[in-house]
N, C-alpha and C. Protein backbone atom coordinates (compact mmCIF):
# COMPACT_ATOMS: atom_id res chain seq x y z
N MET A 1 -48.23 37.44 -71.00
CA MET A 1 -48.25 37.74 -69.98
C MET A 1 -49.33 39.01 -69.64
N THR A 2 -49.96 38.98 -68.81
CA THR A 2 -50.97 40.34 -68.59
C THR A 2 -50.59 41.10 -67.21
N THR A 3 -50.59 42.39 -67.29
CA THR A 3 -50.01 43.09 -66.24
C THR A 3 -51.35 43.61 -65.45
N ARG A 4 -51.45 44.14 -64.21
CA ARG A 4 -52.49 44.67 -63.41
C ARG A 4 -52.57 45.96 -63.66
N PHE A 5 -51.51 46.59 -64.30
CA PHE A 5 -51.65 48.22 -64.30
C PHE A 5 -51.22 48.59 -65.85
N GLN A 6 -51.58 49.98 -66.22
CA GLN A 6 -51.12 50.18 -67.44
C GLN A 6 -49.81 50.69 -67.58
N LYS A 7 -49.15 50.70 -68.66
CA LYS A 7 -47.54 50.90 -68.88
C LYS A 7 -47.70 51.73 -70.15
N ALA A 8 -46.57 52.52 -70.00
CA ALA A 8 -46.06 53.58 -71.32
C ALA A 8 -44.68 53.19 -71.61
N ARG A 9 -44.48 53.19 -72.66
CA ARG A 9 -43.19 52.81 -73.16
C ARG A 9 -42.63 54.37 -73.56
N PHE A 10 -41.03 54.40 -73.28
CA PHE A 10 -40.32 55.60 -73.48
C PHE A 10 -38.98 55.21 -74.17
N HIS A 11 -38.41 55.82 -75.11
CA HIS A 11 -37.11 55.73 -75.59
C HIS A 11 -36.22 56.91 -75.22
N ILE A 12 -34.94 56.27 -75.19
CA ILE A 12 -33.99 57.35 -74.57
C ILE A 12 -33.60 58.52 -75.31
N ASP A 13 -34.09 58.36 -76.64
CA ASP A 13 -33.92 59.47 -77.77
C ASP A 13 -34.79 60.57 -77.18
N SER A 14 -36.01 60.15 -76.94
CA SER A 14 -37.23 61.19 -76.55
C SER A 14 -37.38 61.54 -74.87
N GLY A 15 -36.88 60.79 -74.23
CA GLY A 15 -36.95 60.85 -72.78
C GLY A 15 -38.17 60.53 -72.15
N PRO A 16 -38.43 60.92 -70.83
CA PRO A 16 -37.91 62.30 -70.37
C PRO A 16 -36.34 61.77 -69.84
N ARG A 17 -35.61 62.70 -69.93
CA ARG A 17 -34.02 62.42 -69.34
C ARG A 17 -33.93 61.92 -68.11
N SER A 18 -35.10 62.62 -67.06
CA SER A 18 -34.97 62.37 -65.70
C SER A 18 -35.29 60.75 -65.65
N LEU A 19 -36.02 60.15 -66.42
CA LEU A 19 -36.40 58.63 -66.28
C LEU A 19 -35.07 57.87 -66.45
N PHE A 20 -34.46 58.10 -67.52
CA PHE A 20 -33.20 57.33 -68.01
C PHE A 20 -31.98 57.74 -67.01
N GLU A 21 -32.06 58.71 -66.55
CA GLU A 21 -31.13 58.89 -65.42
C GLU A 21 -31.39 57.99 -64.28
N ARG A 22 -32.70 58.02 -63.61
CA ARG A 22 -33.19 57.26 -62.73
C ARG A 22 -32.55 55.77 -62.87
N ILE A 23 -32.97 55.41 -64.01
CA ILE A 23 -32.66 54.13 -64.72
C ILE A 23 -31.15 53.69 -64.38
N ARG A 24 -30.49 54.24 -64.85
CA ARG A 24 -28.99 54.25 -64.84
C ARG A 24 -28.53 54.44 -63.36
N TYR A 25 -28.82 55.27 -62.42
CA TYR A 25 -28.59 55.23 -61.07
C TYR A 25 -28.98 53.73 -60.65
N LYS A 26 -30.22 53.49 -60.76
CA LYS A 26 -30.66 52.28 -60.09
C LYS A 26 -29.79 51.09 -60.44
N MET A 27 -29.52 50.96 -61.65
CA MET A 27 -28.86 49.78 -62.49
C MET A 27 -27.40 49.77 -62.41
N ASP A 28 -26.85 50.76 -61.98
CA ASP A 28 -25.24 51.11 -62.06
C ASP A 28 -24.58 49.86 -61.17
N SER A 29 -25.52 49.48 -60.12
CA SER A 29 -24.72 48.82 -59.06
C SER A 29 -25.12 47.32 -59.22
N VAL A 30 -26.23 47.23 -60.28
CA VAL A 30 -26.15 45.74 -60.58
C VAL A 30 -24.98 44.99 -61.37
N CYS A 31 -24.71 43.85 -60.83
CA CYS A 31 -23.60 43.25 -61.59
C CYS A 31 -23.86 41.92 -62.03
N SER A 32 -25.22 41.30 -61.72
CA SER A 32 -25.43 39.93 -62.13
C SER A 32 -27.14 40.07 -62.06
N LEU A 33 -27.69 39.21 -63.09
CA LEU A 33 -29.00 39.14 -63.40
C LEU A 33 -29.59 37.65 -62.95
N ASN A 34 -30.86 37.62 -62.75
CA ASN A 34 -31.56 36.49 -62.76
C ASN A 34 -31.85 36.10 -64.10
N LEU A 35 -31.40 35.08 -64.56
CA LEU A 35 -31.46 34.33 -65.86
C LEU A 35 -32.22 33.25 -65.66
N SER A 36 -32.89 33.05 -64.95
CA SER A 36 -33.78 31.70 -64.81
C SER A 36 -35.26 31.79 -65.08
N ALA A 37 -35.82 32.65 -65.37
CA ALA A 37 -37.28 33.07 -65.68
C ALA A 37 -37.73 32.15 -66.93
N LYS A 38 -38.61 31.24 -66.75
CA LYS A 38 -38.88 30.54 -67.81
C LYS A 38 -39.11 30.82 -69.23
N HIS A 39 -39.67 32.08 -69.43
CA HIS A 39 -39.89 32.67 -70.64
C HIS A 39 -38.73 33.14 -71.16
N PHE A 40 -37.78 33.65 -70.39
CA PHE A 40 -36.46 34.11 -70.88
C PHE A 40 -35.66 32.87 -71.32
N VAL A 41 -35.48 31.74 -70.44
CA VAL A 41 -34.64 30.75 -70.89
C VAL A 41 -35.26 30.27 -72.28
N GLU A 42 -36.46 30.11 -72.46
CA GLU A 42 -36.97 29.43 -73.73
C GLU A 42 -36.73 30.38 -75.01
N ARG A 43 -36.57 31.89 -74.90
CA ARG A 43 -36.26 32.95 -75.80
C ARG A 43 -34.79 32.49 -76.14
N CYS A 44 -34.05 32.37 -74.92
CA CYS A 44 -32.84 32.30 -75.52
C CYS A 44 -32.42 30.91 -76.34
N LYS A 45 -33.09 29.83 -76.11
CA LYS A 45 -33.09 28.63 -76.77
C LYS A 45 -33.76 28.80 -77.97
N GLU A 46 -34.64 29.49 -78.03
CA GLU A 46 -35.26 29.51 -79.33
C GLU A 46 -34.48 30.16 -80.36
N ARG A 47 -34.06 31.41 -79.74
CA ARG A 47 -33.48 32.52 -80.75
C ARG A 47 -31.84 32.35 -80.91
N VAL A 48 -31.40 30.99 -80.38
CA VAL A 48 -30.05 30.75 -80.16
C VAL A 48 -29.09 32.12 -79.85
N VAL A 49 -29.17 32.54 -78.73
CA VAL A 49 -28.34 33.60 -78.13
C VAL A 49 -26.91 32.99 -78.00
N PRO A 50 -26.09 33.49 -78.70
CA PRO A 50 -24.59 33.22 -78.52
C PRO A 50 -24.31 33.16 -76.90
N ALA A 51 -23.33 32.43 -76.51
CA ALA A 51 -22.61 32.06 -75.35
C ALA A 51 -22.01 33.42 -74.92
N GLU A 52 -21.24 34.29 -75.75
CA GLU A 52 -20.75 35.71 -75.36
C GLU A 52 -22.09 36.62 -74.86
N ILE A 53 -23.05 36.52 -75.38
CA ILE A 53 -24.10 37.46 -74.90
C ILE A 53 -24.82 36.89 -73.42
N ILE A 54 -24.71 35.63 -73.24
CA ILE A 54 -24.99 35.12 -72.17
C ILE A 54 -24.02 35.50 -71.09
N GLN A 55 -22.79 35.33 -71.30
CA GLN A 55 -21.65 35.82 -70.40
C GLN A 55 -21.88 37.38 -70.20
N LYS A 56 -22.16 38.20 -71.06
CA LYS A 56 -22.32 39.27 -70.66
C LYS A 56 -23.60 39.66 -69.82
N MET A 57 -24.61 38.96 -70.04
CA MET A 57 -25.70 39.24 -69.04
C MET A 57 -25.29 38.43 -67.67
N GLN A 58 -24.58 37.52 -67.64
CA GLN A 58 -24.15 36.81 -66.49
C GLN A 58 -23.26 37.87 -65.54
N ASN A 59 -22.28 38.60 -66.12
CA ASN A 59 -21.67 39.58 -65.61
C ASN A 59 -22.13 41.13 -66.20
N PHE A 60 -23.31 41.32 -65.92
CA PHE A 60 -23.94 42.60 -66.12
C PHE A 60 -23.09 43.88 -65.83
N ASN A 61 -22.97 44.63 -66.86
CA ASN A 61 -22.25 45.77 -66.73
C ASN A 61 -22.91 47.09 -67.43
N THR A 62 -23.42 47.89 -66.87
CA THR A 62 -24.17 48.86 -67.61
C THR A 62 -23.60 49.57 -68.72
N HIS A 63 -22.21 49.84 -68.39
CA HIS A 63 -21.18 50.44 -69.13
C HIS A 63 -20.78 49.69 -70.56
N GLU A 64 -21.28 48.54 -70.41
CA GLU A 64 -21.07 47.57 -71.58
C GLU A 64 -22.17 47.38 -72.57
N TRP A 65 -23.49 47.96 -72.13
CA TRP A 65 -24.97 47.83 -72.74
C TRP A 65 -25.32 49.34 -72.98
N LYS A 66 -26.09 49.28 -73.85
CA LYS A 66 -26.42 50.72 -74.13
C LYS A 66 -28.22 50.83 -73.63
N LEU A 67 -28.51 51.72 -72.95
CA LEU A 67 -30.05 51.79 -72.40
C LEU A 67 -30.66 52.49 -73.80
N VAL A 68 -31.85 51.65 -73.80
CA VAL A 68 -32.53 52.07 -74.87
C VAL A 68 -34.22 52.46 -74.97
N VAL A 69 -34.80 51.73 -74.09
CA VAL A 69 -36.04 51.79 -73.89
C VAL A 69 -36.45 51.39 -72.39
N SER A 70 -37.63 51.97 -72.14
CA SER A 70 -38.33 51.64 -70.85
C SER A 70 -39.73 51.53 -70.74
N GLU A 71 -40.08 50.86 -69.83
CA GLU A 71 -41.55 50.79 -69.80
C GLU A 71 -41.80 51.01 -68.14
N VAL A 72 -42.89 52.14 -68.16
CA VAL A 72 -43.23 52.85 -66.81
C VAL A 72 -44.81 52.28 -66.55
N ARG A 73 -44.88 52.38 -65.08
CA ARG A 73 -46.42 52.27 -64.63
C ARG A 73 -46.82 53.93 -64.88
N ILE A 74 -47.99 53.78 -65.37
CA ILE A 74 -48.73 55.05 -65.63
C ILE A 74 -48.98 55.66 -64.30
N ASP A 75 -49.50 54.92 -63.52
CA ASP A 75 -50.05 55.39 -62.28
C ASP A 75 -49.07 56.14 -61.29
N THR A 76 -47.88 55.31 -61.39
CA THR A 76 -46.80 55.53 -60.38
C THR A 76 -45.75 56.71 -60.85
N GLY A 77 -45.57 56.36 -62.37
CA GLY A 77 -44.41 57.08 -62.87
C GLY A 77 -43.01 56.34 -62.82
N LYS A 78 -43.24 55.42 -62.19
CA LYS A 78 -41.77 54.44 -62.18
C LYS A 78 -41.67 53.44 -63.20
N PHE A 79 -40.22 53.36 -63.29
CA PHE A 79 -40.05 52.18 -64.28
C PHE A 79 -40.36 50.75 -63.83
N VAL A 80 -40.74 49.92 -64.64
CA VAL A 80 -40.99 48.53 -64.52
C VAL A 80 -40.18 47.64 -65.13
N ASN A 81 -39.46 47.94 -66.23
CA ASN A 81 -38.56 47.19 -66.88
C ASN A 81 -37.82 48.15 -67.69
N SER A 82 -36.25 47.84 -67.91
CA SER A 82 -35.63 48.77 -69.02
C SER A 82 -35.04 47.75 -69.75
N THR A 83 -34.78 47.91 -71.06
CA THR A 83 -34.40 47.44 -72.22
C THR A 83 -33.15 47.76 -72.70
N TRP A 84 -31.84 47.14 -72.70
CA TRP A 84 -30.48 47.30 -72.82
C TRP A 84 -30.02 46.58 -74.18
N GLU A 85 -29.14 47.58 -75.01
CA GLU A 85 -28.72 46.79 -76.24
C GLU A 85 -27.20 46.31 -76.01
N TYR A 86 -26.84 45.39 -76.88
CA TYR A 86 -25.53 44.79 -77.11
C TYR A 86 -25.30 44.41 -78.35
N ALA A 87 -24.27 45.11 -79.08
CA ALA A 87 -23.91 44.75 -80.40
C ALA A 87 -22.81 43.51 -80.21
N LEU A 88 -23.09 42.55 -81.19
CA LEU A 88 -22.12 41.58 -81.48
C LEU A 88 -22.22 40.84 -82.85
N GLU A 89 -21.18 41.16 -83.60
CA GLU A 89 -20.99 40.77 -85.17
C GLU A 89 -22.13 41.24 -85.87
N ASN A 90 -22.30 42.59 -85.65
CA ASN A 90 -23.19 43.43 -86.52
C ASN A 90 -24.76 42.90 -86.26
N GLU A 91 -24.97 42.20 -85.12
CA GLU A 91 -26.22 41.96 -84.57
C GLU A 91 -26.44 42.92 -83.24
N LYS A 92 -27.61 43.17 -83.16
CA LYS A 92 -27.91 43.88 -81.99
C LYS A 92 -29.05 43.25 -81.17
N TYR A 93 -28.74 43.01 -80.07
CA TYR A 93 -29.45 42.04 -78.85
C TYR A 93 -30.18 42.79 -77.85
N TRP A 94 -31.39 42.88 -77.70
CA TRP A 94 -31.92 43.82 -76.78
C TRP A 94 -32.33 42.81 -75.69
N LEU A 95 -32.04 43.33 -74.68
CA LEU A 95 -32.33 42.51 -73.28
C LEU A 95 -33.25 43.29 -72.62
N THR A 96 -34.22 42.79 -72.01
CA THR A 96 -35.22 43.43 -71.15
C THR A 96 -35.25 42.88 -69.71
N ILE A 97 -34.73 43.75 -68.72
CA ILE A 97 -34.73 43.32 -67.32
C ILE A 97 -35.99 44.05 -66.51
N GLY A 98 -36.23 43.04 -65.69
CA GLY A 98 -37.79 43.61 -64.95
C GLY A 98 -37.50 43.74 -63.62
N PHE A 99 -38.44 43.70 -62.88
CA PHE A 99 -38.35 43.71 -61.10
C PHE A 99 -37.48 42.55 -60.93
N GLU A 100 -36.66 43.14 -59.83
CA GLU A 100 -35.67 42.37 -58.96
C GLU A 100 -34.72 41.86 -59.90
N ASN A 101 -34.12 42.30 -61.18
CA ASN A 101 -33.24 42.40 -61.86
C ASN A 101 -33.43 40.85 -62.63
N VAL A 102 -34.69 40.71 -62.88
CA VAL A 102 -34.90 39.47 -63.58
C VAL A 102 -34.69 39.72 -65.17
N ALA A 103 -34.17 39.05 -65.89
CA ALA A 103 -33.97 39.10 -67.14
C ALA A 103 -35.75 38.55 -68.00
N GLU A 104 -36.19 39.16 -68.63
CA GLU A 104 -37.54 39.06 -68.94
C GLU A 104 -37.38 38.30 -70.54
N THR A 105 -36.75 39.04 -71.19
CA THR A 105 -36.65 38.46 -72.75
C THR A 105 -35.28 39.04 -73.23
N ILE A 106 -34.99 38.45 -74.36
CA ILE A 106 -33.95 38.79 -75.27
C ILE A 106 -34.45 38.55 -76.89
N VAL A 107 -34.12 39.70 -77.58
CA VAL A 107 -34.21 39.48 -78.96
C VAL A 107 -33.50 40.07 -79.84
N LYS A 108 -33.18 39.66 -81.07
CA LYS A 108 -32.39 40.33 -82.17
C LYS A 108 -33.13 41.34 -82.60
N LYS A 109 -32.61 42.60 -82.40
CA LYS A 109 -33.47 43.84 -82.93
C LYS A 109 -33.05 44.27 -84.25
N GLU A 110 -34.14 44.53 -84.89
CA GLU A 110 -34.05 45.16 -86.35
C GLU A 110 -34.62 46.51 -86.36
N SER A 111 -35.15 46.89 -85.39
CA SER A 111 -35.84 48.31 -85.55
C SER A 111 -35.16 49.44 -84.55
N ASP A 112 -35.58 50.44 -84.43
CA ASP A 112 -34.83 51.53 -83.38
C ASP A 112 -35.77 51.72 -82.32
N GLY A 113 -36.93 50.80 -82.45
CA GLY A 113 -37.55 50.80 -80.79
C GLY A 113 -38.48 51.88 -80.65
N LYS A 114 -38.65 52.80 -81.70
CA LYS A 114 -39.17 54.02 -81.45
C LYS A 114 -40.66 54.05 -81.46
N ASN A 115 -41.20 52.93 -82.03
CA ASN A 115 -42.66 52.94 -82.15
C ASN A 115 -43.48 52.74 -80.81
N LYS A 116 -44.40 53.21 -80.77
CA LYS A 116 -45.43 53.22 -79.46
C LYS A 116 -44.72 53.93 -78.45
N VAL A 117 -43.84 54.97 -78.71
CA VAL A 117 -43.37 55.49 -77.40
C VAL A 117 -43.86 56.85 -77.00
N VAL A 118 -44.08 57.00 -75.93
CA VAL A 118 -44.50 58.38 -75.39
C VAL A 118 -43.57 59.51 -75.53
N VAL A 119 -43.68 60.46 -76.37
CA VAL A 119 -42.71 61.51 -76.49
C VAL A 119 -43.25 62.98 -75.93
N SER A 120 -44.57 62.70 -75.44
CA SER A 120 -45.03 64.28 -75.00
C SER A 120 -46.22 63.81 -74.31
N GLY A 121 -46.75 64.93 -73.62
CA GLY A 121 -48.33 65.07 -73.05
C GLY A 121 -48.31 64.58 -71.46
N PRO A 122 -49.57 64.28 -71.30
CA PRO A 122 -49.56 64.29 -69.59
C PRO A 122 -48.74 63.38 -68.80
N VAL A 123 -48.79 62.10 -69.56
CA VAL A 123 -48.06 60.84 -69.04
C VAL A 123 -46.59 61.08 -69.06
N TYR A 124 -46.20 61.65 -70.12
CA TYR A 124 -44.67 61.99 -70.12
C TYR A 124 -44.34 63.05 -69.25
N ASN A 125 -45.25 64.22 -69.07
CA ASN A 125 -44.67 65.15 -67.67
C ASN A 125 -44.80 64.49 -66.43
N HIS A 126 -45.90 63.59 -66.23
CA HIS A 126 -46.09 62.76 -64.92
C HIS A 126 -44.86 62.38 -64.55
N VAL A 127 -44.27 61.21 -65.75
CA VAL A 127 -43.25 60.58 -65.49
C VAL A 127 -41.93 61.27 -65.13
N ASP A 128 -41.86 62.26 -65.82
CA ASP A 128 -40.66 63.34 -65.64
C ASP A 128 -40.59 63.86 -64.04
N ALA A 129 -41.85 64.39 -63.81
CA ALA A 129 -42.02 64.94 -62.24
C ALA A 129 -41.61 63.99 -61.45
N VAL A 130 -42.15 62.82 -61.48
CA VAL A 130 -41.85 61.75 -60.59
C VAL A 130 -40.29 61.40 -60.39
N ASN A 131 -39.87 61.15 -61.70
CA ASN A 131 -38.27 60.84 -61.51
C ASN A 131 -37.57 61.91 -61.24
N LYS A 132 -37.87 62.89 -61.52
CA LYS A 132 -37.07 64.17 -60.95
C LYS A 132 -37.17 64.18 -59.38
N LYS A 133 -38.29 63.96 -58.76
CA LYS A 133 -38.44 64.01 -57.40
C LYS A 133 -37.79 62.87 -56.83
N LEU A 134 -37.92 61.54 -57.51
CA LEU A 134 -37.10 60.54 -56.76
C LEU A 134 -35.57 60.75 -56.73
N MET A 135 -35.29 61.29 -57.87
CA MET A 135 -33.47 61.43 -57.69
C MET A 135 -33.31 62.83 -56.75
N GLU A 136 -34.37 63.55 -56.52
CA GLU A 136 -33.82 64.76 -55.56
C GLU A 136 -33.91 63.98 -54.14
N ASN A 137 -35.04 62.97 -53.82
CA ASN A 137 -34.95 62.34 -52.60
C ASN A 137 -33.70 61.59 -52.36
N GLU A 138 -32.97 60.96 -53.55
CA GLU A 138 -32.01 60.46 -53.43
C GLU A 138 -30.77 61.14 -53.18
N GLY A 139 -31.00 62.60 -53.44
CA GLY A 139 -29.64 63.35 -53.07
C GLY A 139 -28.72 63.42 -54.22
N THR A 140 -29.09 63.14 -55.67
CA THR A 140 -28.46 62.76 -56.92
C THR A 140 -28.68 64.14 -57.37
N VAL A 141 -29.34 65.11 -57.18
CA VAL A 141 -29.63 66.26 -58.07
C VAL A 141 -28.78 67.56 -57.33
């Protein structure tokens, strides 16, 4: 799937903090996900995702999943998806949630997800400034 805009990837360990605070703020009220996207359904079957993980997605709770990665539109500085981790029986499942809370994909993760992430520079600073401003506008700062 191609996108019409450039994206940058960020990891929670390297920030920016404002981005991940914004994601938590926006996602805390989400209690169910749209699990019907064709790609997602195919990945669940192909990867034999356990029923317990499916149940956790149907009753999504940000306090039960660990936020790990986000992709952001470079032009706007706003997140377009977020990736959450859930551990089950020594396996880590990474669920990527996109626009309108649509589950985009799920994988068993074997790495830390820190490859190809932005950790500094102009894009990092732009994303940080945008998300700080958004949070200020929400009155959460």
